[in-house]
Amino acid sequence: MNRPPANSRSEFAEALRKGLLLGAAFLVVSLPPVLTVRSPAPQSVPPLAAGVPPSPAATPPAQLAVARHADFRRERASQDARRMANWIVQSGDHQRRSFVIVDKKDARVYVFDPAGRLQSAAPALLGQSHGDDTVPGIGNKPVAEVLPQERTTPAGRFVAELGASSSRGEDVVWVDYDAAVSMHRVLKKPERLKALASPTKDDNRMSYGCINLPPPFYEKVLRPAVQRTGAIIYVLPETRPLHEVFASFQDVNGPVRLAQRAAP
């Protein structure tokens, strides 16, 4: 094989070197620069000092509920009536029915809807004798034989029942059927009508034990409430505290803290 002259090899090497340099320069100019992405520096969180509790936001606040109150609207009711109504609404003792509060001390009756909103209130005539108990066997006695000291309106919780009174010949709302105690229209006697219309409660004790009401109140408020939803009647005591007559009664006029279920 014939070898090329030395000067030809030198020229070829020089041309090759220049070509490589030009190619490298072309690549530098034509290719885009490489983008370098850096991870953000971690934010420094200052450590808690010894004995310092975590932020309050990390701990859920205790659940605090204010006791629901019955709505008496603008009615001026006694403290006992308000305490009783609030407990009824809070405890649900009325079993989603309407409820009636008979305040014997004030000789006044309140009718509430199942949500605890007052529908109306009215004065009432009550048993002639003060007392909270029923005389045994009183329901079987003829009215003429009932003694003055036996004419009491019993205190307690009663389930209202619509019915009829054979002696009166009209419909009534029974409070205690066995004791012949009912809520009904006031007897149309001058002394009873006068006492019911008077502004004072001192002359409202004159019945044999039944609760006499103004006819419009009975017909437009009480009877429709019993017909629509049924009703529980609470006759407040006048000789004993509430909790002695209503065993489950609790004063709920203040805030009530509810138990909070632990997270799973």
Protein backbone atom coordinates (compact mmCIF):
# COMPACT_ATOMS: atom_id res chain seq x y z
CA MET A 1 0.00 0.00 0.00
CA ASN A 2 1.28 3.47 -0.90
CA ARG A 3 1.34 5.94 2.05
CA PRO A 4 0.36 9.61 1.40
CA PRO A 5 3.07 12.23 1.64
CA ALA A 6 3.68 13.82 5.09
CA ASN A 7 2.56 17.27 4.00
CA SER A 8 -0.84 15.86 2.84
CA ARG A 9 -1.40 14.21 6.23
CA SER A 10 -0.75 17.49 8.05
CA GLU A 11 -3.23 19.38 5.92
CA PHE A 12 -5.87 16.70 6.51
CA ALA A 13 -5.37 16.81 10.33
CA GLU A 14 -5.60 20.60 10.34
CA ALA A 15 -8.84 20.53 8.37
CA LEU A 16 -10.31 17.91 10.70
CA ARG A 17 -9.44 19.96 13.77
CA LYS A 18 -11.04 23.09 12.32
CA GLY A 19 -14.18 21.15 11.43
CA LEU A 20 -14.56 19.83 14.96
CA LEU A 21 -14.15 23.30 16.43
CA LEU A 22 -16.76 24.76 14.04
CA GLY A 23 -19.22 21.95 14.89
CA ALA A 24 -18.81 22.48 18.59
CA ALA A 25 -19.39 26.20 18.21
CA PHE A 26 -22.52 25.53 16.14
CA LEU A 27 -23.93 23.26 18.85
CA VAL A 28 -23.32 25.85 21.56
CA VAL A 29 -25.18 28.50 19.57
CA SER A 30 -28.10 26.37 18.37
CA LEU A 31 -29.00 24.27 21.46
CA PRO A 32 -31.16 25.92 24.24
CA PRO A 33 -29.64 26.30 27.66
CA VAL A 34 -30.43 23.62 30.26
CA LEU A 35 -33.00 24.80 32.89
CA THR A 36 -32.00 24.02 36.45
CA VAL A 37 -34.84 23.81 39.02
CA ARG A 38 -34.03 24.13 42.68
CA SER A 39 -36.27 22.85 45.47
CA PRO A 40 -37.54 25.64 47.72
CA ALA A 41 -35.72 25.92 50.96
CA PRO A 42 -37.74 24.47 53.85
CA GLN A 43 -39.30 27.08 56.09
CA SER A 44 -37.90 27.03 59.51
CA VAL A 45 -40.47 26.44 62.27
CA PRO A 46 -39.32 27.65 65.64
CA PRO A 47 -39.56 24.88 68.24
CA LEU A 48 -42.00 25.29 71.14
CA ALA A 49 -40.41 26.32 74.32
CA ALA A 50 -40.62 23.88 77.19
CA GLY A 51 -43.92 24.09 79.01
CA VAL A 52 -45.68 26.12 76.26
CA PRO A 53 -49.00 24.47 75.17
CA PRO A 54 -49.86 24.13 71.48
CA SER A 55 -51.96 26.72 69.69
CA PRO A 56 -55.63 26.79 70.82
CA ALA A 57 -56.68 26.10 67.21
CA ALA A 58 -55.21 22.62 67.51
CA THR A 59 -57.62 21.74 70.30
CA PRO A 60 -61.37 21.72 69.41
CA PRO A 61 -63.36 23.96 71.73
CA ALA A 62 -65.69 22.36 74.24
CA GLN A 63 -69.25 22.14 72.94
CA LEU A 64 -71.49 24.51 74.88
CA ALA A 65 -75.23 24.71 74.28
CA VAL A 66 -77.61 27.13 75.89
CA ALA A 67 -80.74 25.47 77.18
CA ARG A 68 -83.77 25.98 74.99
CA HIS A 69 -86.46 28.09 76.57
CA ALA A 70 -90.21 28.05 76.10
CA ASP A 71 -91.52 31.13 74.32
CA PHE A 72 -94.00 32.96 76.54
CA ARG A 73 -94.14 35.85 74.08
CA ARG A 74 -95.16 38.92 76.10
CA GLU A 75 -97.04 36.98 78.74
CA ARG A 76 -96.09 37.73 82.33
CA ALA A 77 -95.83 34.29 83.84
CA SER A 78 -94.68 33.26 87.29
CA GLN A 79 -91.20 31.91 87.91
CA ASP A 80 -92.58 28.42 88.54
CA ALA A 81 -94.50 28.42 85.26
CA ARG A 82 -91.40 29.49 83.33
CA ARG A 83 -89.16 26.95 85.04
CA MET A 84 -91.66 24.21 84.32
CA ALA A 85 -92.13 25.17 80.67
CA ASN A 86 -88.38 25.37 80.09
CA TRP A 87 -87.87 21.92 81.57
CA ILE A 88 -90.67 20.47 79.45
CA VAL A 89 -89.13 21.85 76.25
CA GLN A 90 -85.58 20.86 77.21
CA SER A 91 -86.42 17.34 78.36
CA GLY A 92 -89.07 16.54 75.76
CA ASP A 93 -91.32 15.24 78.51
CA HIS A 94 -94.39 16.31 76.49
CA GLN A 95 -93.52 13.71 73.81
CA ARG A 96 -93.91 16.14 70.90
CA ARG A 97 -97.45 16.99 71.88
CA SER A 98 -98.96 20.30 72.83
CA PHE A 99 -98.71 20.97 76.53
CA VAL A 100 -100.77 22.88 79.07
CA ILE A 101 -99.53 24.47 82.27
CA VAL A 102 -102.06 25.18 85.00
CA ASP A 103 -100.55 27.62 87.49
CA LYS A 104 -102.79 27.28 90.52
CA LYS A 105 -101.01 30.01 92.50
CA ASP A 106 -101.73 32.51 89.75
CA ALA A 107 -105.05 30.90 88.68
CA ARG A 108 -103.86 30.97 85.07
CA VAL A 109 -103.63 28.45 82.22
CA TYR A 110 -101.05 28.42 79.39
CA VAL A 111 -101.34 26.37 76.18
CA PHE A 112 -98.15 25.71 74.16
CA ASP A 113 -97.62 24.05 70.81
CA PRO A 114 -95.21 21.07 70.60
CA ALA A 115 -92.28 23.43 69.87
CA GLY A 116 -92.82 25.32 73.12
CA ARG A 117 -94.44 28.43 71.65
CA LEU A 118 -97.26 29.91 73.69
CA GLN A 119 -100.56 29.82 71.83
CA SER A 120 -102.56 31.72 74.40
CA ALA A 121 -103.17 32.14 78.12
CA ALA A 122 -106.30 32.74 80.17
CA PRO A 123 -107.51 33.02 83.78
CA ALA A 124 -109.14 29.99 85.35
CA LEU A 125 -111.38 29.06 88.24
CA LEU A 126 -109.98 26.26 90.41
CA GLY A 127 -110.91 24.07 93.34
CA GLN A 128 -112.30 25.94 96.32
CA SER A 129 -109.89 24.27 98.75
CA HIS A 130 -106.12 24.71 98.53
CA GLY A 131 -104.26 21.42 98.19
CA ASP A 132 -102.45 19.22 95.70
CA ASP A 133 -103.94 15.79 96.36
CA THR A 134 -107.13 14.08 95.31
CA VAL A 135 -109.43 12.77 98.01
CA PRO A 136 -109.73 8.99 97.53
CA GLY A 137 -113.05 8.01 95.93
CA ILE A 138 -114.02 11.59 95.16
CA GLY A 139 -114.94 10.71 91.58
CA ASN A 140 -117.74 8.43 92.74
CA LYS A 141 -119.35 10.96 95.06
CA PRO A 142 -122.42 12.94 94.01
CA VAL A 143 -121.50 16.60 93.66
CA ALA A 144 -123.85 17.56 96.48
CA GLU A 145 -121.93 15.32 98.89
CA VAL A 146 -118.48 16.73 98.17
CA LEU A 147 -117.32 18.62 101.28
CA PRO A 148 -115.68 22.07 100.95
CA GLN A 149 -112.28 20.74 102.11
CA GLU A 150 -112.45 18.01 99.47
CA ARG A 151 -112.81 20.45 96.57
CA THR A 152 -109.18 20.44 95.44
CA THR A 153 -107.57 20.61 92.01
CA PRO A 154 -104.89 17.89 92.07
CA ALA A 155 -101.33 18.68 91.00
CA GLY A 156 -99.40 16.43 88.63
CA ARG A 157 -98.85 15.33 85.05
CA PHE A 158 -101.91 14.19 83.13
CA VAL A 159 -102.62 13.04 79.58
CA ALA A 160 -105.46 15.12 78.15
CA GLU A 161 -108.48 13.27 76.79
CA LEU A 162 -111.42 14.71 74.89
CA GLY A 163 -114.71 13.45 76.23
CA ALA A 164 -118.16 14.41 77.40
CA SER A 165 -119.63 15.20 80.78
CA SER A 166 -122.99 13.61 81.45
CA SER A 167 -123.73 16.10 84.21
CA ARG A 168 -122.92 19.10 82.02
CA GLY A 169 -124.17 17.70 78.73
CA GLU A 170 -121.24 19.04 76.73
CA ASP A 171 -117.70 18.19 75.69
CA VAL A 172 -114.81 18.54 78.15
CA VAL A 173 -111.07 17.86 78.29
CA TRP A 174 -110.48 15.27 80.97
CA VAL A 175 -107.55 15.85 83.31
CA ASP A 176 -108.21 12.96 85.71
CA TYR A 177 -111.23 10.93 84.66
CA ASP A 178 -111.26 8.73 87.78
CA ALA A 179 -111.33 11.79 90.03
CA ALA A 180 -113.91 13.53 87.78
CA VAL A 181 -111.55 16.48 87.20
CA SER A 182 -111.80 18.16 83.81
CA MET A 183 -111.13 21.43 81.98
CA HIS A 184 -114.31 22.94 80.59
CA ARG A 185 -116.19 26.13 79.83
CA VAL A 186 -117.02 28.18 82.89
CA LEU A 187 -120.48 27.57 84.33
CA LYS A 188 -122.79 30.39 83.36
CA LYS A 189 -123.37 31.55 86.88
CA PRO A 190 -123.08 35.26 87.71
CA GLU A 191 -120.59 34.78 90.54
CA ARG A 192 -118.33 32.58 88.41
CA LEU A 193 -118.44 34.84 85.39
CA LYS A 194 -117.65 37.82 87.61
CA ALA A 195 -114.73 36.07 89.32
CA LEU A 196 -113.25 34.93 86.00
CA ALA A 197 -113.46 38.46 84.59
CA SER A 198 -111.97 40.20 87.63
CA PRO A 199 -108.30 41.31 87.46
CA THR A 200 -107.43 39.66 90.75
CA LYS A 201 -106.74 35.96 91.39
CA ASP A 202 -108.02 36.06 94.96
CA ASP A 203 -111.61 35.22 93.98
CA ASN A 204 -110.81 32.41 91.52
CA ARG A 205 -111.11 29.53 94.00
CA MET A 206 -114.72 28.39 93.79
CA SER A 207 -115.04 25.16 91.77
CA TYR A 208 -115.44 21.58 93.01
CA GLY A 209 -111.99 20.80 91.60
CA CYS A 210 -112.49 21.25 87.86
CA ILE A 211 -110.68 23.94 85.88
CA ASN A 212 -113.21 26.45 84.53
CA LEU A 213 -112.11 28.44 81.46
CA PRO A 214 -113.48 31.29 79.32
CA PRO A 215 -115.53 29.67 76.51
CA PRO A 216 -113.53 31.28 73.65
CA PHE A 217 -110.25 30.05 75.15
CA TYR A 218 -111.60 26.54 75.58
CA GLU A 219 -113.15 26.36 72.10
CA LYS A 220 -110.47 28.14 70.04
CA VAL A 221 -107.25 27.27 71.89
CA LEU A 222 -107.41 24.30 74.26
CA ARG A 223 -109.73 21.92 72.43
CA PRO A 224 -108.09 22.40 68.99
CA ALA A 225 -104.63 21.79 70.52
CA VAL A 226 -105.77 18.51 72.04
CA GLN A 227 -107.45 17.49 68.78
CA ARG A 228 -104.43 18.27 66.59
CA THR A 229 -101.53 16.78 68.51
CA GLY A 230 -102.81 15.50 71.82
CA ALA A 231 -101.66 17.28 74.96
CA ILE A 232 -99.96 16.77 78.30
CA ILE A 233 -101.40 18.78 81.18
CA TYR A 234 -99.09 19.91 83.99
CA VAL A 235 -100.96 21.18 87.05
CA LEU A 236 -98.41 22.98 89.23
CA PRO A 237 -98.51 22.41 92.99
CA GLU A 238 -99.32 25.11 95.50
CA THR A 239 -98.25 23.41 98.73
CA ARG A 240 -95.07 21.61 97.62
CA PRO A 241 -92.04 22.39 95.42
CA LEU A 242 -92.06 21.30 91.79
CA HIS A 243 -89.55 18.48 92.18
CA GLU A 244 -91.69 16.76 94.79
CA VAL A 245 -94.61 16.47 92.38
CA PHE A 246 -92.63 15.99 89.16
CA ALA A 247 -89.88 13.52 89.99
CA SER A 248 -87.84 14.16 86.83
CA PHE A 249 -88.03 17.95 87.04
CA GLN A 250 -84.75 19.84 86.81
CA ASP A 251 -84.18 23.56 86.66
CA VAL A 252 -82.74 24.23 83.18
CA ASN A 253 -82.77 28.03 83.22
CA GLY A 254 -78.96 28.15 83.02
CA PRO A 255 -76.55 26.96 80.28
CA VAL A 256 -76.28 23.22 79.81
CA ARG A 257 -72.94 21.63 78.89
CA LEU A 258 -73.41 18.76 76.47
CA ALA A 259 -71.29 15.61 76.46
CA GLN A 260 -68.96 15.56 73.44
CA ARG A 261 -68.29 12.23 71.75
CA ALA A 262 -64.62 11.37 71.44
CA ALA A 263 -63.18 11.20 67.92
CA PRO A 264 -62.85 7.63 66.56
